[in-house]
C-alpha atoms as a PDB file:
ATOM      1  CA  MET A   1      58.847  23.236 -19.304  1.00  0.00           C
ATOM      2  CA  ARG A   2      58.590  26.789 -17.703  1.00  0.00           C
ATOM      3  CA  ILE A   3      55.296  27.430 -19.859  1.00  0.00           C
ATOM      4  CA  ILE A   4      53.833  24.148 -18.306  1.00  0.00           C
ATOM      5  CA  LYS A   5      54.669  25.240 -15.004  1.00  0.00           C
ATOM      6  CA  LYS A   6      53.086  28.438 -15.331  1.00  0.00           C
ATOM      7  CA  ILE A   7      49.955  26.830 -16.822  1.00  0.00           C
ATOM      8  CA  VAL A   8      49.778  24.506 -13.834  1.00  0.00           C
ATOM      9  CA  LYS A   9      50.398  27.560 -11.377  1.00  0.00           C
ATOM     10  CA  TRP A  10      47.581  29.574 -12.944  1.00  0.00           C
ATOM     11  CA  THR A  11      45.248  26.528 -13.296  1.00  0.00           C
ATOM     12  CA  GLY A  12      45.556  25.725  -9.541  1.00  0.00           C
ATOM     13  CA  LEU A  13      45.181  29.489  -8.421  1.00  0.00           C
ATOM     14  CA  VAL A  14      42.012  29.570 -10.842  1.00  0.00           C
ATOM     15  CA  LEU A  15      40.552  26.545  -9.330  1.00  0.00           C
ATOM     16  CA  ALA A  16      41.396  27.557  -5.766  1.00  0.00           C
ATOM     17  CA  ILE A  17      39.441  30.928  -6.508  1.00  0.00           C
ATOM     18  CA  LEU A  18      36.410  28.929  -7.975  1.00  0.00           C
ATOM     19  CA  ILE A  19      36.406  26.497  -4.917  1.00  0.00           C
ATOM     20  CA  ALA A  20      36.499  29.449  -2.529  1.00  0.00           C
ATOM     21  CA  GLY A  21      33.772  31.330  -4.306  1.00  0.00           C
ATOM     22  CA  VAL A  22      31.557  28.151  -4.485  1.00  0.00           C
ATOM     23  CA  SER A  23      32.310  27.450  -0.862  1.00  0.00           C
ATOM     24  CA  ALA A  24      31.299  31.171   0.173  1.00  0.00           C
ATOM     25  CA  ILE A  25      28.044  31.042  -1.908  1.00  0.00           C
ATOM     26  CA  THR A  26      27.172  27.658  -0.534  1.00  0.00           C
ATOM     27  CA  ALA A  27      27.591  28.814   3.045  1.00  0.00           C
ATOM     28  CA  ALA A  28      25.671  32.041   2.445  1.00  0.00           C
ATOM     29  CA  ARG A  29      22.641  30.097   0.758  1.00  0.00           C
ATOM     30  CA  GLN A  30      22.273  27.797   3.671  1.00  0.00           C
ATOM     31  CA  ASN A  31      19.431  29.723   5.341  1.00  0.00           C
ATOM     32  CA  ILE A  32      17.775  31.447   2.417  1.00  0.00           C
ATOM     33  CA  LYS A  33      14.480  33.075   3.376  1.00  0.00           C
ATOM     34  CA  TYR A  34      11.154  32.283   1.340  1.00  0.00           C
ATOM     35  CA  SER A  35       7.666  33.547   1.412  1.00  0.00           C
ATOM     36  CA  ALA A  36       4.573  31.516   0.843  1.00  0.00           C
ATOM     37  CA  PRO A  37       0.811  32.018   1.665  1.00  0.00           C
ATOM     38  CA  TYR A  38      -0.547  31.386   5.107  1.00  0.00           C
ATOM     39  CA  PRO A  39      -3.523  28.661   4.832  1.00  0.00           C
ATOM     40  CA  ALA A  40      -6.843  29.836   6.654  1.00  0.00           C
ATOM     41  CA  ILE A  41      -6.723  26.582   8.650  1.00  0.00           C
ATOM     42  CA  LYS A  42      -7.665  26.837  12.227  1.00  0.00           C
ATOM     43  CA  ALA A  43      -7.392  23.916  14.949  1.00  0.00           C
ATOM     44  CA  SER A  44     -10.735  22.770  16.214  1.00  0.00           C
ATOM     45  CA  ALA A  45     -11.844  21.298  19.482  1.00  0.00           C
ATOM     46  CA  ASP A  46     -14.524  19.012  18.076  1.00  0.00           C
ATOM     47  CA  SER A  47     -13.765  15.367  19.224  1.00  0.00           C
ATOM     48  CA  ALA A  48     -14.815  13.972  15.810  1.00  0.00           C
ATOM     49  CA  VAL A  49     -12.131  16.213  14.015  1.00  0.00           C
ATOM     50  CA  ILE A  50      -9.604  15.542  16.480  1.00  0.00           C
ATOM     51  CA  ALA A  51     -10.256  11.601  16.380  1.00  0.00           C
ATOM     52  CA  ARG A  52     -10.102  11.985  12.480  1.00  0.00           C
ATOM     53  CA  GLY A  53      -6.595  13.720  12.859  1.00  0.00           C
ATOM     54  CA  LYS A  54      -5.301  11.011  15.469  1.00  0.00           C
ATOM     55  CA  HIS A  55      -6.307   8.237  12.816  1.00  0.00           C
ATOM     56  CA  LEU A  56      -4.387  10.103  10.050  1.00  0.00           C
ATOM     57  CA  VAL A  57      -1.276  10.555  12.075  1.00  0.00           C
ATOM     58  CA  ILE A  58      -1.044   6.964  13.458  1.00  0.00           C
ATOM     59  CA  SER A  59      -1.964   5.244  10.114  1.00  0.00           C
ATOM     60  CA  VAL A  60      -1.711   6.152   6.793  1.00  0.00           C
ATOM     61  CA  ALA A  61       0.184   9.628   7.200  1.00  0.00           C
ATOM     62  CA  HIS A  62       2.533   7.563   9.618  1.00  0.00           C
ATOM     63  CA  CYS A  63       3.802  10.534  11.400  1.00  0.00           C
ATOM     64  CA  THR A  64       4.627   8.283  14.388  1.00  0.00           C
ATOM     65  CA  ASP A  65       7.319   6.576  12.285  1.00  0.00           C
ATOM     66  CA  CYS A  66       9.319   9.511  11.941  1.00  0.00           C
ATOM     67  CA  HIS A  67       8.390  11.475  14.938  1.00  0.00           C
ATOM     68  CA  SER A  68       7.901   8.916  17.882  1.00  0.00           C
ATOM     69  CA  PRO A  69      10.964   7.526  19.537  1.00  0.00           C
ATOM     70  CA  SER A  70       8.453   5.586  21.642  1.00  0.00           C
ATOM     71  CA  ASN A  71       6.740   2.346  20.843  1.00  0.00           C
ATOM     72  CA  ALA A  72       3.515   3.456  19.250  1.00  0.00           C
ATOM     73  CA  ASP A  73       1.975   0.005  19.450  1.00  0.00           C
ATOM     74  CA  SER A  74       2.482  -0.358  23.168  1.00  0.00           C
ATOM     75  CA  LEU A  75       1.310   3.160  23.908  1.00  0.00           C
ATOM     76  CA  LEU A  76      -1.808   2.876  21.753  1.00  0.00           C
ATOM     77  CA  SER A  77      -2.648  -0.486  23.256  1.00  0.00           C
ATOM     78  CA  LEU A  78      -2.868   1.039  26.706  1.00  0.00           C
ATOM     79  CA  GLY A  79      -5.059   3.840  25.365  1.00  0.00           C
ATOM     80  CA  GLN A  80      -2.284   6.277  25.263  1.00  0.00           C
ATOM     81  CA  ASP A  81      -1.067   8.523  22.643  1.00  0.00           C
ATOM     82  CA  PRO A  82       2.362   8.126  20.870  1.00  0.00           C
ATOM     83  CA  VAL A  83       4.953  10.473  21.968  1.00  0.00           C
ATOM     84  CA  LEU A  84       5.889  12.682  18.996  1.00  0.00           C
ATOM     85  CA  SER A  85       9.024  14.441  20.290  1.00  0.00           C
ATOM     86  CA  GLY A  86      11.138  13.803  17.400  1.00  0.00           C
ATOM     87  CA  GLY A  87      14.797  13.327  17.409  1.00  0.00           C
ATOM     88  CA  ILE A  88      15.097  10.236  15.186  1.00  0.00           C
ATOM     89  CA  ALA A  89      18.102  10.247  13.104  1.00  0.00           C
ATOM     90  CA  PHE A  90      17.799   9.438   9.152  1.00  0.00           C
ATOM     91  CA  ASN A  91      21.217   8.824   7.718  1.00  0.00           C
ATOM     92  CA  LEU A  92      21.013  10.002   3.990  1.00  0.00           C
ATOM     93  CA  PRO A  93      23.653  10.705   1.461  1.00  0.00           C
ATOM     94  CA  VAL A  94      23.314  14.341   2.167  1.00  0.00           C
ATOM     95  CA  GLY A  95      23.989  13.751   5.868  1.00  0.00           C
ATOM     96  CA  THR A  96      22.166  13.001   8.818  1.00  0.00           C
ATOM     97  CA  ILE A  97      18.651  14.705   9.458  1.00  0.00           C
ATOM     98  CA  TYR A  98      16.755  14.632  12.714  1.00  0.00           C
ATOM     99  CA  SER A  99      12.929  14.657  12.955  1.00  0.00           C
ATOM    100  CA  ALA A 100      11.392  17.502  14.658  1.00  0.00           C
ATOM    101  CA  ASN A 101       9.581  17.897  18.008  1.00  0.00           C
ATOM    102  CA  ILE A 102       5.890  18.121  17.112  1.00  0.00           C
ATOM    103  CA  THR A 103       4.547  17.982  20.683  1.00  0.00           C
ATOM    104  CA  ALA A 104       2.681  21.130  22.044  1.00  0.00           C
ATOM    105  CA  ASP A 105       5.871  22.281  24.072  1.00  0.00           C
ATOM    106  CA  SER A 106       6.375  25.970  23.542  1.00  0.00           C
ATOM    107  CA  VAL A 107       9.925  26.083  23.556  1.00  0.00           C
ATOM    108  CA  TYR A 108      11.165  23.067  21.486  1.00  0.00           C
ATOM    109  CA  GLY A 109       7.919  21.859  19.946  1.00  0.00           C
ATOM    110  CA  ILE A 110       5.100  23.335  17.731  1.00  0.00           C
ATOM    111  CA  GLY A 111       3.600  25.076  20.818  1.00  0.00           C
ATOM    112  CA  ARG A 112       5.441  28.119  19.860  1.00  0.00           C
ATOM    113  CA  PHE A 113       4.090  28.392  16.378  1.00  0.00           C
ATOM    114  CA  THR A 114       0.582  29.676  15.153  1.00  0.00           C
ATOM    115  CA  ASP A 115      -1.913  27.550  13.426  1.00  0.00           C
ATOM    116  CA  ALA A 116      -1.062  29.441  10.228  1.00  0.00           C
ATOM    117  CA  GLU A 117       2.631  28.914  10.557  1.00  0.00           C
ATOM    118  CA  ILE A 118       2.210  25.207  11.063  1.00  0.00           C
ATOM    119  CA  THR A 119      -0.018  24.609   8.076  1.00  0.00           C
ATOM    120  CA  ARG A 120       2.024  26.859   5.662  1.00  0.00           C
ATOM    121  CA  ALA A 121       5.142  24.434   6.632  1.00  0.00           C
ATOM    122  CA  LEU A 122       2.977  21.315   5.720  1.00  0.00           C
ATOM    123  CA  ARG A 123       1.421  22.890   2.800  1.00  0.00           C
ATOM    124  CA  TYR A 124       4.053  25.106   1.150  1.00  0.00           C
ATOM    125  CA  GLY A 125       7.350  23.651   2.625  1.00  0.00           C
ATOM    126  CA  VAL A 126       8.455  27.016   4.193  1.00  0.00           C
ATOM    127  CA  HIS A 127       9.301  27.034   8.118  1.00  0.00           C
ATOM    128  CA  PRO A 128       7.877  29.813  10.510  1.00  0.00           C
ATOM    129  CA  ASP A 129      11.452  31.639  10.146  1.00  0.00           C
ATOM    130  CA  GLY A 130      11.129  31.358   6.403  1.00  0.00           C
ATOM    131  CA  THR A 131      13.723  28.840   5.740  1.00  0.00           C
ATOM    132  CA  VAL A 132      12.860  25.485   3.439  1.00  0.00           C
ATOM    133  CA  VAL A 133      11.476  22.479   4.760  1.00  0.00           C
ATOM    134  CA  TYR A 134      12.944  19.186   3.523  1.00  0.00           C
ATOM    135  CA  ASP A 135      10.202  17.530   1.472  1.00  0.00           C
ATOM    136  CA  PHE A 136       9.885  14.585   3.829  1.00  0.00           C
ATOM    137  CA  MET A 137       6.434  15.311   4.671  1.00  0.00           C
ATOM    138  CA  PRO A 138       4.627  15.915   1.174  1.00  0.00           C
ATOM    139  CA  PHE A 139       1.306  16.920   2.676  1.00  0.00           C
ATOM    140  CA  HIS A 140       1.006  19.759   0.187  1.00  0.00           C
ATOM    141  CA  ASN A 141      -2.195  18.627  -1.369  1.00  0.00           C
ATOM    142  CA  LEU A 142      -3.995  17.500   1.861  1.00  0.00           C
ATOM    143  CA  SER A 143      -7.639  18.484   1.881  1.00  0.00           C
ATOM    144  CA  ASP A 144      -8.511  21.613   4.046  1.00  0.00           C
ATOM    145  CA  GLU A 145     -10.614  19.037   6.187  1.00  0.00           C
ATOM    146  CA  ASP A 146      -7.676  16.709   6.775  1.00  0.00           C
ATOM    147  CA  LEU A 147      -5.227  19.453   7.390  1.00  0.00           C
ATOM    148  CA  THR A 148      -7.615  20.956   9.960  1.00  0.00           C
ATOM    149  CA  ALA A 149      -7.770  17.374  11.528  1.00  0.00           C
ATOM    150  CA  VAL A 150      -4.142  16.790  11.734  1.00  0.00           C
ATOM    151  CA  LEU A 151      -3.375  20.119  13.075  1.00  0.00           C
ATOM    152  CA  SER A 152      -6.176  19.759  15.806  1.00  0.00           C
ATOM    153  CA  TYR A 153      -4.619  16.443  16.885  1.00  0.00           C
ATOM    154  CA  LEU A 154      -1.212  17.782  16.993  1.00  0.00           C
ATOM    155  CA  ARG A 155      -2.510  20.521  19.334  1.00  0.00           C
ATOM    156  CA  THR A 156      -3.780  17.976  21.886  1.00  0.00           C
ATOM    157  CA  GLN A 157      -0.318  16.273  22.323  1.00  0.00           C
ATOM    158  CA  LYS A 158       1.361  16.686  25.698  1.00  0.00           C
ATOM    159  CA  PRO A 159       4.265  19.016  25.731  1.00  0.00           C
ATOM    160  CA  LEU A 160       7.648  17.585  25.881  1.00  0.00           C
ATOM    161  CA  ALA A 161      10.622  19.756  26.220  1.00  0.00           C
ATOM    162  CA  TYR A 162      12.977  17.937  24.142  1.00  0.00           C
ATOM    163  CA  LYS A 163      15.554  19.560  21.725  1.00  0.00           C
ATOM    164  CA  LYS A 164      16.448  17.651  18.899  1.00  0.00           C
ATOM    165  CA  PRO A 165      20.197  17.431  17.581  1.00  0.00           C
ATOM    166  CA  ALA A 166      21.033  19.720  14.913  1.00  0.00           C
ATOM    167  CA  ASN A 167      20.940  18.125  11.448  1.00  0.00           C
ATOM    168  CA  GLN A 168      24.422  17.127  10.199  1.00  0.00           C
ATOM    169  CA  LEU A 169      24.865  17.938   6.497  1.00  0.00           C
ATOM    170  CA  ASN A 170      28.017  16.794   4.512  1.00  0.00           C
ATOM    171  CA  LEU A 171      29.761  18.586   1.772  1.00  0.00           C
ATOM    172  CA  ILE A 172      27.088  17.330  -0.776  1.00  0.00           C
ATOM    173  CA  GLY A 173      24.211  18.087   1.646  1.00  0.00           C
ATOM    174  CA  ASN A 174      25.158  21.692   1.988  1.00  0.00           C
ATOM    175  CA  VAL A 175      25.483  21.962  -1.869  1.00  0.00           C
ATOM    176  CA  VAL A 176      22.124  20.453  -2.360  1.00  0.00           C
ATOM    177  CA  LYS A 177      20.490  22.579   0.408  1.00  0.00           C
ATOM    178  CA  ALA A 178      22.139  25.669  -1.126  1.00  0.00           C
ATOM    179  CA  PHE A 179      21.149  25.086  -4.867  1.00  0.00           C
ATOM    180  CA  LEU A 180      18.786  22.543  -5.234  1.00  0.00           C
ATOM    181  CA  ILE A 181      16.225  22.301  -2.310  1.00  0.00           C
ATOM    182  CA  LYS A 182      13.268  24.776  -2.672  1.00  0.00           C
ATOM    183  CA  PRO A 183       9.864  24.962  -0.991  1.00  0.00           C
ATOM    184  CA  VAL A 184       7.228  22.562  -2.692  1.00  0.00           C
ATOM    185  CA  GLY A 185       3.604  23.728  -2.652  1.00  0.00           C
ATOM    186  CA  PRO A 186       0.357  22.117  -3.952  1.00  0.00           C
ATOM    187  CA  SER A 187       0.421  20.437  -7.374  1.00  0.00           C
ATOM    188  CA  GLU A 188      -3.314  20.604  -7.817  1.00  0.00           C
ATOM    189  CA  THR A 189      -6.255  22.627  -6.550  1.00  0.00           C
ATOM    190  CA  ILE A 190      -6.779  21.959  -2.847  1.00  0.00           C
ATOM    191  CA  ALA A 191     -10.224  20.031  -2.051  1.00  0.00           C
ATOM    192  CA  ALA A 192     -12.105  21.490   0.955  1.00  0.00           C
ATOM    193  CA  THR A 193     -13.101  17.840   1.763  1.00  0.00           C
ATOM    194  CA  VAL A 194     -12.357  14.640   0.499  1.00  0.00           C
ATOM    195  CA  LYS A 195     -14.956  11.812   1.094  1.00  0.00           C
ATOM    196  CA  PRO A 196     -13.566   8.569   2.412  1.00  0.00           C
ATOM    197  CA  ASP A 197     -14.825   5.484   0.280  1.00  0.00           C
ATOM    198  CA  THR A 198     -13.341   2.446  -1.610  1.00  0.00           C
ATOM    199  CA  THR A 199     -13.204   4.188  -4.956  1.00  0.00           C
ATOM    200  CA  ALA A 200      -9.755   4.393  -6.845  1.00  0.00           C
ATOM    201  CA  ALA A 201     -10.129   8.117  -6.783  1.00  0.00           C
ATOM    202  CA  TYR A 202      -9.827   8.181  -2.893  1.00  0.00           C
ATOM    203  CA  GLY A 203      -7.021   5.444  -3.142  1.00  0.00           C
ATOM    204  CA  LYS A 204      -5.054   8.112  -5.358  1.00  0.00           C
ATOM    205  CA  TYR A 205      -5.446  10.746  -2.622  1.00  0.00           C
ATOM    206  CA  LEU A 206      -4.267   8.453   0.055  1.00  0.00           C
ATOM    207  CA  VAL A 207      -1.284   7.135  -2.001  1.00  0.00           C
ATOM    208  CA  LEU A 208      -0.077  10.214  -3.240  1.00  0.00           C
ATOM    209  CA  ASN A 209      -1.332  12.985  -0.999  1.00  0.00           C
ATOM    210  CA  VAL A 210      -1.180  11.288   2.536  1.00  0.00           C
ATOM    211  CA  GLY A 211       0.786   8.185   2.579  1.00  0.00           C
ATOM    212  CA  ASN A 212       3.745   9.328   0.157  1.00  0.00           C
ATOM    213  CA  CYS A 213       3.927   5.806  -1.321  1.00  0.00           C
ATOM    214  CA  SER A 214       5.503   7.439  -4.388  1.00  0.00           C
ATOM    215  CA  GLY A 215       8.329   8.851  -2.142  1.00  0.00           C
ATOM    216  CA  CYS A 216       9.742   5.393  -1.866  1.00  0.00           C
ATOM    217  CA  HIS A 217       8.292   3.517  -4.675  1.00  0.00           C
ATOM    218  CA  THR A 218       9.219   5.965  -7.283  1.00  0.00           C
ATOM    219  CA  LYS A 219      13.076   6.494  -8.345  1.00  0.00           C
ATOM    220  CA  ARG A 220      13.993   9.997  -7.386  1.00  0.00           C
ATOM    221  CA  SER A 221      17.202  12.230  -7.718  1.00  0.00           C
ATOM    222  CA  ILE A 222      19.490  13.137  -4.547  1.00  0.00           C
ATOM    223  CA  SER A 223      17.553  16.365  -4.313  1.00  0.00           C
ATOM    224  CA  GLY A 224      14.250  14.536  -4.511  1.00  0.00           C
ATOM    225  CA  GLU A 225      13.136  15.152  -7.953  1.00  0.00           C
ATOM    226  CA  TYR A 226      11.117  12.121  -9.628  1.00  0.00           C
ATOM    227  CA  THR A 227      13.133  10.529 -12.349  1.00  0.00           C
ATOM    228  CA  GLY A 228      11.199   7.033 -12.659  1.00  0.00           C
ATOM    229  CA  GLU A 229       7.924   5.832 -13.589  1.00  0.00           C
ATOM    230  CA  LEU A 230       5.039   6.237 -10.958  1.00  0.00           C
ATOM    231  CA  LEU A 231       5.271   3.545  -8.359  1.00  0.00           C
ATOM    232  CA  ALA A 232       7.423   1.460 -10.769  1.00  0.00           C
ATOM    233  CA  GLY A 233      10.005   0.844  -7.820  1.00  0.00           C
ATOM    234  CA  GLY A 234      12.460   2.884  -6.046  1.00  0.00           C
ATOM    235  CA  GLY A 235      16.124   3.162  -5.812  1.00  0.00           C
ATOM    236  CA  PRO A 236      18.298   1.068  -3.570  1.00  0.00           C
ATOM    237  CA  MET A 237      17.991   1.602   0.199  1.00  0.00           C
ATOM    238  CA  GLU A 238      19.626   0.565   3.476  1.00  0.00           C
ATOM    239  CA  HIS A 239      20.559  -3.201   3.872  1.00  0.00           C
ATOM    240  CA  GLY A 240      20.137  -3.653   0.087  1.00  0.00           C
ATOM    241  CA  LEU A 241      16.329  -3.389  -0.008  1.00  0.00           C
ATOM    242  CA  VAL A 242      14.754  -1.908  -3.106  1.00  0.00           C
ATOM    243  CA  PRO A 243      11.021  -0.587  -2.854  1.00  0.00           C
ATOM    244  CA  PRO A 244       9.121  -2.856  -5.294  1.00  0.00           C
ATOM    245  CA  ASN A 245       7.055  -2.068  -8.355  1.00  0.00           C
ATOM    246  CA  LEU A 246       3.562  -1.601  -7.415  1.00  0.00           C
ATOM    247  CA  THR A 247       1.996  -1.030 -10.778  1.00  0.00           C
ATOM    248  CA  PRO A 248      -0.222  -3.786 -12.308  1.00  0.00           C
ATOM    249  CA  ASP A 249       2.288  -5.200 -14.544  1.00  0.00           C
ATOM    250  CA  SER A 250       3.148  -8.910 -14.226  1.00  0.00           C
ATOM    251  CA  THR A 251       6.480  -8.056 -12.888  1.00  0.00           C
ATOM    252  CA  GLY A 252       4.807  -5.998 -10.166  1.00  0.00           C
ATOM    253  CA  ARG A 253       4.979  -7.123  -6.380  1.00  0.00           C
ATOM    254  CA  ILE A 254       1.208  -7.264  -5.941  1.00  0.00           C
ATOM    255  CA  PHE A 255       0.428  -8.897  -9.455  1.00  0.00           C
ATOM    256  CA  GLY A 256      -2.275 -11.521  -8.996  1.00  0.00           C
ATOM    257  CA  TRP A 257      -3.118 -10.499  -5.398  1.00  0.00           C
ATOM    258  CA  SER A 258      -6.690 -10.474  -4.465  1.00  0.00           C
ATOM    259  CA  GLN A 259      -8.023  -7.554  -2.566  1.00  0.00           C
ATOM    260  CA  GLN A 260      -8.107  -9.521   0.663  1.00  0.00           C
ATOM    261  CA  THR A 261      -4.683 -10.899   0.113  1.00  0.00           C
ATOM    262  CA  PHE A 262      -3.657  -7.083  -0.258  1.00  0.00           C
ATOM    263  CA  ILE A 263      -5.438  -6.261   2.989  1.00  0.00           C
ATOM    264  CA  ASN A 264      -4.028  -9.409   4.825  1.00  0.00           C
ATOM    265  CA  ARG A 265      -0.572  -8.375   4.011  1.00  0.00           C
ATOM    266  CA  PHE A 266      -0.902  -4.953   5.699  1.00  0.00           C
ATOM    267  CA  ARG A 267      -2.544  -6.461   8.865  1.00  0.00           C
ATOM    268  CA  MET A 268       0.387  -8.362   9.514  1.00  0.00           C
ATOM    269  CA  GLY A 269       2.634  -5.484  10.036  1.00  0.00           C
ATOM    270  CA  LYS A 270       6.508  -5.466   9.604  1.00  0.00           C
ATOM    271  CA  LEU A 271       7.975  -9.059   8.774  1.00  0.00           C
ATOM    272  CA  ASN A 272      11.451  -7.565   7.872  1.00  0.00           C
ATOM    273  CA  ASP A 273      13.357  -5.819  10.827  1.00  0.00           C
ATOM    274  CA  ASN A 274      15.279  -3.893   8.164  1.00  0.00           C
ATOM    275  CA  SER A 275      12.512  -2.695   6.149  1.00  0.00           C
ATOM    276  CA  VAL A 276      11.967   1.102   6.167  1.00  0.00           C
ATOM    277  CA  MET A 277       8.361   0.864   5.072  1.00  0.00           C
ATOM    278  CA  PRO A 278       6.133   2.152   7.865  1.00  0.00           C
ATOM    279  CA  TRP A 279       4.130  -1.225   8.170  1.00  0.00           C
ATOM    280  CA  GLN A 280       3.246  -0.806  11.794  1.00  0.00           C
ATOM    281  CA  SER A 281       1.381   2.694  10.977  1.00  0.00           C
ATOM    282  CA  PHE A 282      -0.059   1.307   7.692  1.00  0.00           C
ATOM    283  CA  LYS A 283      -1.501  -1.858   9.428  1.00  0.00           C
ATOM    284  CA  ARG A 284      -3.806   0.709  11.346  1.00  0.00           C
ATOM    285  CA  MET A 285      -5.533   1.683   8.109  1.00  0.00           C
ATOM    286  CA  ASN A 286      -9.007   0.577   7.898  1.00  0.00           C
ATOM    287  CA  ASN A 287     -10.514  -1.798   5.151  1.00  0.00           C
ATOM    288  CA  THR A 288     -12.092   1.159   3.397  1.00  0.00           C
ATOM    289  CA  GLU A 289      -8.785   2.967   2.958  1.00  0.00           C
ATOM    290  CA  LEU A 290      -6.920  -0.244   1.964  1.00  0.00           C
ATOM    291  CA  THR A 291      -9.481  -1.227  -0.503  1.00  0.00           C
ATOM    292  CA  ALA A 292      -9.275   2.116  -2.059  1.00  0.00           C
ATOM    293  CA  ILE A 293      -5.596   2.009  -2.187  1.00  0.00           C
ATOM    294  CA  TYR A 294      -5.872  -1.466  -3.753  1.00  0.00           C
ATOM    295  CA  ASN A 295      -8.163  -0.361  -6.464  1.00  0.00           C
ATOM    296  CA  TYR A 296      -5.894   2.670  -7.265  1.00  0.00           C
ATOM    297  CA  LEU A 297      -2.907   0.661  -7.776  1.00  0.00           C
ATOM    298  CA  HIS A 298      -4.783  -1.329 -10.399  1.00  0.00           C
ATOM    299  CA  THR A 299      -5.610   1.746 -12.401  1.00  0.00           C
ATOM    300  CA  ILE A 300      -1.974   3.286 -12.731  1.00  0.00           C
ATOM    301  CA  LYS A 301       0.310   2.406 -15.983  1.00  0.00           C
ATOM    302  CA  PRO A 302       1.702  -0.964 -15.862  1.00  0.00           C
ATOM    303  CA  VAL A 303       5.444  -0.618 -15.902  1.00  0.00           C
ATOM    304  CA  LYS A 304       7.668  -3.882 -16.586  1.00  0.00           C
ATOM    305  CA  THR A 305      10.882  -4.404 -14.089  1.00  0.00           C
ATOM    306  CA  VAL A 306      13.134  -7.022 -13.688  1.00  0.00           C
ATOM    307  CA  SER A 307      14.869  -6.498 -10.342  1.00  0.00           C
ATOM    308  CA  ASN A 308      12.040  -5.222  -8.254  1.00  0.00           C
ATOM    309  CA  LYS A 309      10.011  -8.314  -8.200  1.00  0.00           C
END
C-alpha cells in the first residue's frame, strides 16, 4: 500500500512538472518571429489596375465577407466602396479570431505598413512584426499582376480608425499556434500574369489561388492541413452544414448541372441564412470566371461520397 502511494505521488509530481513545462513552452512560443522574402510589388495609381483589384476584392477573393461589417451590397449599389475595417468574429475550435482592419488608417489599418510588408503577409504568411499569419487568406500563389491590383485597390480605401478586438485563443488554440501553425508560402512558381478566359486552367487558378474553394470543400485538420480528397466535401461546420462534394462524381452536388444552371445558381446569391459560403461576393463574378470554374470542376478527380450530396 505504501509503495502504491509513493508511485501515485511521484506520478503526480512528474505529470505536474510536464504540464508546467509544456505550458511554459507554449506561452513562450506564442509570438515566434519568422523571416520571409519581401515581394517586389508596388501599388499602382493606374485606374485599370485599381479596378481589377476592386473586382477581385469584392467578388472571387471575397475580402468583403471577412473584413467588412457593413452591407457591401447596399454600398456598392450606391456607388460606394465597402468599408474593410475588420473586427468580424470567427468562432472556431481554437478560439475566437477577429478579422483585421485593412483600410488605409495609419494607426490600426494597413496604412502603417509598406507595400512590401503587406504583400509579404499575403504571399508568405508573415506579419510585418515577423509573427505568423493565420492561413485564412491563402493568396500565396496569386499572380504578381493580381497581387499588385489587390494592393493598389486596398491603398485607395478610406482610413477608418477602428481597433479590432484581440484574438481570444483557448487552450487548444494556444497549443496549435505554438506548435502547429507556421507561415505558408507559394506552392508553385508565381506567374507574372494570368490571362482571364474560360479555360479550365484559369478556373483552377480562381478556385485554388483566389477563391480558396478548397479551404471549405476539402477536409482539413484542426491545424489547417488538408486530409481529404480535393474538393470532395469538407468537414461539418456551424448549424450542421457540410460543404458539399464538388467533384464530377455522380454523388457530387453539381453533377448533371449545365453551365448555365451553374451560373444561375451563383447569380441567386445566398439562399440559406446559415450558410458560410460567401455567396454575396461570389455572385459578383463575371460569366467568364464562372464558366472557367465550371470547366475546371469537371476536370478534377471524381470522388464518391454519401453524406455530402
